[in-house]
Protein backbone atom coordinates (compact mmCIF):
# COMPACT_ATOMS: atom_id res chain seq x y z
CA UNK A 1 126.08 105.82 123.86
CA UNK A 2 123.90 103.57 121.93
CA UNK A 3 122.62 103.57 118.33
CA UNK A 4 118.77 103.22 117.94
CA UNK A 5 117.54 100.37 115.85
CA UNK A 6 115.98 102.89 113.41
CA UNK A 7 119.30 104.47 112.89
CA UNK A 8 120.75 101.18 111.76
CA UNK A 9 117.82 100.28 109.54
CA UNK A 10 117.76 103.66 107.89
CA UNK A 11 121.61 103.45 107.15
CA UNK A 12 121.15 99.93 105.67
CA UNK A 13 118.25 101.30 103.45
CA UNK A 14 120.69 104.00 102.22
CA UNK A 15 123.62 101.64 101.70
CA UNK A 16 121.68 98.65 100.18
CA UNK A 17 118.36 99.77 98.79
CA UNK A 18 119.28 103.38 97.80
CA UNK A 19 115.97 104.68 99.31
CA UNK A 20 117.69 107.75 100.73
CA UNK A 21 120.27 110.12 99.30
CA UNK A 22 121.40 111.13 102.84
CA UNK A 23 120.65 110.55 106.54
CA UNK A 24 121.25 113.08 109.28
CA UNK A 25 121.73 111.76 112.78
CA UNK A 26 121.67 113.53 116.12
CA UNK A 27 122.29 112.52 119.72
CA UNK A 28 119.19 112.24 121.86
CA UNK A 29 120.50 113.24 125.21
CA UNK A 30 117.51 111.93 127.12
CA UNK A 31 117.81 108.44 125.71
CA UNK A 32 121.59 108.53 125.39
CA UNK A 33 121.42 107.26 121.83
CA UNK A 34 122.08 108.25 118.20
CA UNK A 35 118.69 108.74 116.37
CA UNK A 36 117.67 109.75 112.83
CA UNK A 37 116.74 113.38 112.45
CA UNK A 38 116.23 113.67 108.76
CA UNK A 39 116.48 111.58 105.48
CA UNK A 40 116.85 112.82 101.91
CA UNK A 41 114.96 111.83 98.81
CA UNK A 42 117.04 109.54 96.57
CA UNK A 43 116.72 112.21 93.82
CA UNK A 44 117.97 114.83 96.24
CA UNK A 45 121.04 116.96 95.55
CA UNK A 46 123.96 117.87 97.64
CA UNK A 47 122.59 121.42 98.17
CA UNK A 48 119.59 119.78 99.80
CA UNK A 49 121.82 117.88 102.11
CA UNK A 50 123.67 121.02 103.14
CA UNK A 51 120.35 122.81 103.77
CA UNK A 52 119.22 119.95 106.12
CA UNK A 53 122.21 120.71 108.50
CA UNK A 54 121.76 123.04 111.31
CA UNK A 55 123.80 126.24 111.63
CA UNK A 56 124.66 125.94 115.27
CA UNK A 57 124.37 122.33 116.37
CA UNK A 58 126.44 119.12 115.99
CA UNK A 59 125.16 116.46 113.70
CA UNK A 60 126.53 113.25 112.11
CA UNK A 61 125.41 112.29 108.59
CA UNK A 62 126.05 109.92 105.65
CA UNK A 63 125.75 111.05 102.07
CA UNK A 64 125.55 108.74 99.10
CA UNK A 65 127.40 110.44 96.27
CA UNK A 66 126.97 109.15 92.68
CA UNK A 67 129.58 109.91 90.08
CA UNK A 68 130.97 108.78 86.72
CA UNK A 69 134.55 107.67 86.36
CA UNK A 70 136.90 108.66 83.64
CA UNK A 71 136.21 105.19 82.09
CA UNK A 72 132.45 106.24 81.98
CA UNK A 73 131.45 103.89 84.77
CA UNK A 74 128.69 104.85 87.17
CA UNK A 75 129.77 104.59 90.79
CA UNK A 76 128.65 105.53 94.22
CA UNK A 77 130.48 106.27 97.47
CA UNK A 78 129.05 106.82 100.92
CA UNK A 79 130.62 109.60 102.90
CA UNK A 80 130.42 110.03 106.64
CA UNK A 81 130.09 113.71 107.73
CA UNK A 82 130.65 115.22 111.10
CA UNK A 83 128.99 118.71 111.36
């Protein structure tokens, strides 16, 4: 199984440039590689992310979660999700 170049590029855009709130990946059986299925707007919400996941199929995703610490510091964590 390989990872498509677009998948790597899109992940780095989420991680470094914050151009996506989330990225949903799927396996392209014909090409035998992981490809980008959907991306989320940086202003998107967690509910938008959940709505982008299929009901009856496997997906992999990353979600960039913004939060404020108890010290009132803005933070961000990227979560990997297996659906």
